[in-house]
Amino acid sequence: MVSAEHENRIGEISGFLDRLCIRHYINRQPGGPDIVAYMMHGRVAIEYETGKKRFDETVAMIERRRGGYSRVIVIVNDRFAAKYKKSLERGNVSVVEFSWLGRLWL
């Protein structure tokens, strides 16, 4: 079951991408990323992580995404940013705190 926080953040991230004129769609299919965007890097998977899911499940999910997308962007609840950056950020995976995006929206 997806939380209200997750749904709200996905909507906000989609709005942010709209304002930047980045072509994307919210993916409602199980097993896929939250958002698929088309950027200069190619097809990009965007995930929002609340930090409520078991961490090993998140790591495995991101690893699966790495091969199928030119870039994987993991946007995280700020409380968990350091942990996610340490474990996930490498190669084609970037971790971004949600508040950082919020500052860009102003």
Protein backbone atom coordinates (compact mmCIF):
# COMPACT_ATOMS: atom_id res chain seq x y z
CA MET A 1 0.00 0.00 0.00
CA VAL A 2 1.34 3.42 -0.96
CA SER A 3 1.29 6.12 1.73
CA ALA A 4 -0.29 9.55 1.42
CA GLU A 5 3.18 11.10 1.78
CA HIS A 6 4.41 9.05 -1.18
CA GLU A 7 1.46 9.99 -3.38
CA ASN A 8 1.72 13.68 -2.50
CA ARG A 9 5.45 13.80 -3.16
CA ILE A 10 5.09 12.03 -6.51
CA GLY A 11 2.52 14.66 -7.52
CA GLU A 12 4.84 17.46 -6.43
CA ILE A 13 7.81 15.96 -8.28
CA SER A 14 5.65 15.60 -11.41
CA GLY A 15 4.64 19.27 -11.09
CA PHE A 16 8.30 20.24 -10.77
CA LEU A 17 9.12 18.32 -13.96
CA ASP A 18 6.18 20.00 -15.72
CA ARG A 19 7.54 23.43 -14.80
CA LEU A 20 10.90 22.45 -16.26
CA CYS A 21 9.16 21.17 -19.42
CA ILE A 22 10.60 17.69 -18.91
CA ARG A 23 8.52 15.02 -20.60
CA HIS A 24 7.52 12.34 -18.08
CA TYR A 25 4.73 10.19 -16.76
CA ILE A 26 3.73 8.85 -13.37
CA ASN A 27 4.05 5.10 -13.58
CA ARG A 28 1.25 3.22 -11.82
CA GLN A 29 2.47 -0.22 -12.91
CA PRO A 30 3.78 -2.53 -10.18
CA GLY A 31 7.48 -3.22 -10.41
CA GLY A 32 8.30 0.01 -12.23
CA PRO A 33 9.71 3.33 -11.08
CA ASP A 34 7.41 5.99 -9.64
CA ILE A 35 8.11 8.34 -12.55
CA VAL A 36 9.72 7.78 -15.93
CA ALA A 37 11.25 10.93 -17.42
CA TYR A 38 12.92 11.60 -20.74
CA MET A 39 15.93 13.84 -20.35
CA MET A 40 19.16 14.51 -22.16
CA HIS A 41 20.58 11.41 -20.43
CA GLY A 42 17.85 9.28 -22.01
CA ARG A 43 15.13 7.44 -20.12
CA VAL A 44 15.39 8.23 -16.40
CA ALA A 45 13.78 6.38 -13.47
CA ILE A 46 12.71 8.62 -10.59
CA GLU A 47 11.85 7.09 -7.22
CA TYR A 48 10.56 8.80 -4.10
CA GLU A 49 11.48 6.98 -0.91
CA THR A 50 9.78 7.78 2.38
CA GLY A 51 12.22 5.64 4.39
CA LYS A 52 9.42 3.38 5.64
CA LYS A 53 10.19 0.38 3.43
CA ARG A 54 12.86 -2.09 4.53
CA PHE A 55 16.17 -0.64 3.43
CA ASP A 56 17.44 -3.87 1.83
CA GLU A 57 14.30 -3.92 -0.35
CA THR A 58 15.01 -0.36 -1.51
CA VAL A 59 18.63 -1.20 -2.33
CA ALA A 60 17.56 -4.24 -4.37
CA MET A 61 14.91 -2.20 -6.20
CA ILE A 62 17.40 0.52 -7.15
CA GLU A 63 19.91 -2.08 -8.32
CA ARG A 64 17.25 -3.53 -10.65
CA ARG A 65 16.58 -0.05 -12.07
CA ARG A 66 20.25 0.68 -12.81
CA GLY A 67 20.39 -1.65 -15.81
CA GLY A 68 17.14 -0.57 -17.44
CA TYR A 69 17.52 3.20 -17.27
CA SER A 70 20.27 5.60 -18.27
CA ARG A 71 19.95 7.30 -14.89
CA VAL A 72 18.18 6.61 -11.61
CA ILE A 73 17.25 9.53 -9.38
CA VAL A 74 16.19 8.68 -5.85
CA ILE A 75 14.43 11.53 -4.08
CA VAL A 76 14.27 10.89 -0.37
CA ASN A 77 12.61 12.11 2.77
CA ASP A 78 15.31 14.39 4.24
CA ARG A 79 15.64 12.41 7.49
CA PHE A 80 17.08 9.46 5.57
CA ALA A 81 19.20 11.28 3.00
CA ALA A 82 22.63 10.51 4.47
CA LYS A 83 21.91 6.79 4.74
CA TYR A 84 20.59 6.61 1.17
CA LYS A 85 23.49 8.64 -0.26
CA LYS A 86 26.06 6.43 1.44
CA SER A 87 24.51 3.19 0.22
CA LEU A 88 23.05 4.05 -3.18
CA GLU A 89 24.83 6.97 -4.82
CA ARG A 90 27.27 5.68 -7.42
CA GLY A 91 27.49 5.26 -11.16
CA ASN A 92 24.18 6.26 -12.70
CA VAL A 93 22.34 6.62 -9.35
CA SER A 94 21.87 10.03 -7.72
CA VAL A 95 20.22 10.71 -4.37
CA VAL A 96 18.49 14.06 -3.78
CA GLU A 97 16.81 15.36 -0.62
CA PHE A 98 13.20 16.39 -1.22
CA SER A 99 13.77 19.79 0.47
CA TRP A 100 16.44 20.57 -2.12
CA LEU A 101 13.81 20.32 -4.85
CA GLY A 102 11.49 22.49 -2.77
CA ARG A 103 14.06 25.29 -2.74
CA LEU A 104 14.19 25.19 -6.54
CA TRP A 105 10.41 25.65 -6.76
CA LEU A 106 10.49 29.08 -5.12
